[in-house]
Protein backbone atom coordinates (compact mmCIF):
# COMPACT_ATOMS: atom_id res chain seq x y z
CA MET A 1 95.28 115.56 77.60
CA ALA A 2 91.84 114.61 78.95
CA LEU A 3 92.12 111.20 77.34
CA CYS A 4 95.44 110.64 79.11
CA ASN A 5 93.99 111.58 82.49
CA ASN A 6 91.01 109.27 81.95
CA LYS A 7 93.35 106.39 81.16
CA LEU A 8 95.32 107.02 84.36
CA THR A 9 92.21 107.07 86.55
CA ASN A 10 91.07 103.80 84.99
CA MET A 11 94.49 102.14 85.42
CA ILE A 12 94.28 99.11 87.68
CA GLN A 13 96.63 99.17 90.63
CA ILE A 14 97.54 95.99 92.50
CA ILE A 15 98.98 96.52 95.97
CA GLY A 16 100.69 93.67 97.80
CA THR A 17 103.93 91.76 98.14
CA ARG A 18 105.54 89.36 95.70
CA LYS A 19 105.57 86.58 98.34
CA CYS A 20 101.81 86.81 99.02
CA LYS A 21 99.99 83.93 97.27
CA ASP A 22 96.77 85.92 96.78
CA THR A 23 98.73 88.84 95.32
CA GLN A 24 100.40 86.40 92.90
CA LYS A 25 96.93 85.18 91.90
CA ALA A 26 95.79 88.77 91.28
CA LEU A 27 98.84 89.50 89.11
CA ARG A 28 98.25 86.30 87.14
CA PHE A 29 94.51 87.07 86.76
CA PHE A 30 95.19 90.39 85.03
CA LYS A 31 98.19 89.15 83.02
CA GLU A 32 96.14 86.25 81.61
CA ARG A 33 93.48 88.71 80.48
CA ARG A 34 96.11 91.07 79.04
CA VAL A 35 94.91 93.92 81.24
CA GLU A 36 97.43 96.67 81.92
CA PHE A 37 98.09 97.29 85.61
CA HIS A 38 100.56 98.92 87.97
CA PHE A 39 101.98 96.78 90.80
CA VAL A 40 102.97 98.37 94.13
CA ASP A 41 105.23 96.10 96.18
CA LEU A 42 104.81 97.01 99.85
CA ASN A 43 108.30 95.68 100.56
CA GLU A 44 109.68 98.42 98.29
CA ARG A 45 107.43 101.35 99.19
CA GLY A 46 104.49 102.08 101.41
CA LEU A 47 101.34 103.98 100.57
CA SER A 48 101.01 107.71 101.02
CA ALA A 49 98.44 109.12 103.43
CA GLY A 50 96.36 110.16 100.41
CA GLU A 51 96.44 106.68 98.89
CA LEU A 52 95.39 105.12 102.20
CA LYS A 53 92.56 107.63 102.57
CA SER A 54 91.39 106.96 99.01
CA ILE A 55 91.35 103.20 99.62
CA SER A 56 89.54 103.61 102.96
CA GLN A 57 86.69 105.38 101.13
CA HIS A 58 85.93 102.04 99.44
CA ILE A 59 87.06 99.55 102.10
CA PRO A 60 86.33 99.97 105.84
CA GLU A 61 89.48 100.71 107.89
CA ALA A 62 89.00 97.62 110.08
CA GLU A 63 89.15 95.40 106.98
CA LEU A 64 92.42 96.95 105.76
CA ILE A 65 94.58 95.64 108.60
CA ASP A 66 95.60 91.98 108.57
CA ALA A 67 95.17 90.88 112.19
CA GLU A 68 96.36 87.37 111.27
CA SER A 69 99.67 88.46 109.73
CA ARG A 70 103.10 87.77 111.19
CA GLN A 71 103.76 91.51 111.19
CA TYR A 72 100.68 92.15 113.36
CA GLN A 73 101.76 89.45 115.83
CA LYS A 74 105.40 90.59 115.78
CA ARG A 75 104.40 94.13 116.73
CA GLY A 76 102.10 92.86 119.51
CA LEU A 77 99.14 94.84 118.17
CA GLN A 78 96.68 92.23 119.45
CA TYR A 79 97.40 93.59 122.95
CA MET A 80 97.13 97.30 122.13
CA LYS A 81 94.60 99.94 121.24
CA PHE A 82 95.76 101.86 118.21
CA ASP A 83 94.68 104.04 115.30
CA ILE A 84 94.46 101.72 112.31
CA MET A 85 95.32 104.36 109.70
CA GLU A 86 98.36 105.55 111.69
CA GLU A 87 99.68 101.99 111.98
CA LEU A 88 99.11 101.29 108.29
CA ALA A 89 100.90 104.51 107.32
CA GLU A 90 103.82 103.58 109.58
CA ASP A 91 104.00 99.89 108.58
CA PRO A 92 102.46 99.04 105.18
CA LEU A 93 103.13 95.32 105.70
CA LEU A 94 100.14 95.33 108.06
CA LEU A 95 97.81 95.75 105.06
CA LYS A 96 95.64 92.82 104.06
CA THR A 97 96.60 92.00 100.48
CA PRO A 98 96.08 92.15 97.62
CA ILE A 99 94.28 95.44 97.21
CA VAL A 100 93.08 95.85 93.64
CA ARG A 101 91.81 99.30 92.77
CA THR A 102 91.04 101.88 90.14
CA GLY A 103 90.08 105.49 90.75
CA GLN A 104 86.45 104.51 91.44
CA LYS A 105 86.60 101.08 93.11
CA ALA A 106 88.79 99.03 95.45
CA PHE A 107 88.68 95.38 96.49
CA ILE A 108 90.67 93.56 99.14
CA GLY A 109 91.76 89.93 99.21
CA TYR A 110 91.26 87.23 96.60
CA ALA A 111 88.15 88.37 94.71
CA PRO A 112 88.20 87.33 91.02
CA ALA A 113 84.46 87.94 90.56
CA SER A 114 84.91 91.54 91.73
CA TRP A 115 88.03 91.97 89.60
CA LYS A 116 86.03 91.00 86.51
CA SER A 117 83.79 94.02 87.14
CA LEU A 118 86.84 96.26 86.69
CA ILE A 119 87.60 94.98 83.20
CA GLU A 120 84.12 94.56 81.75
């Protein structure tokens, strides 16, 4: 049982959308290296409060929100003061993607050098 739990905590999770070019690059990066991963499509499901909190322990909250996204502009967030974590919980499409993480580390955006550290 302990071996199973260890494998789950070391499982790589890629969070993004299928249309995002950088998310596609992340998926390809791990597929080419035959690394097992779990993909979370934000168009299909958002992240739980616990998942967001876990990610924010590795990535500052301000870096998680994509202020240049269409979703950000559409919601008019550039003109408002808001709680970043509340907005991300309510609308996961505001997340900057991809987010690549394991139980111990998380990286945001296109970062192949950082991703290599997860598989070495």
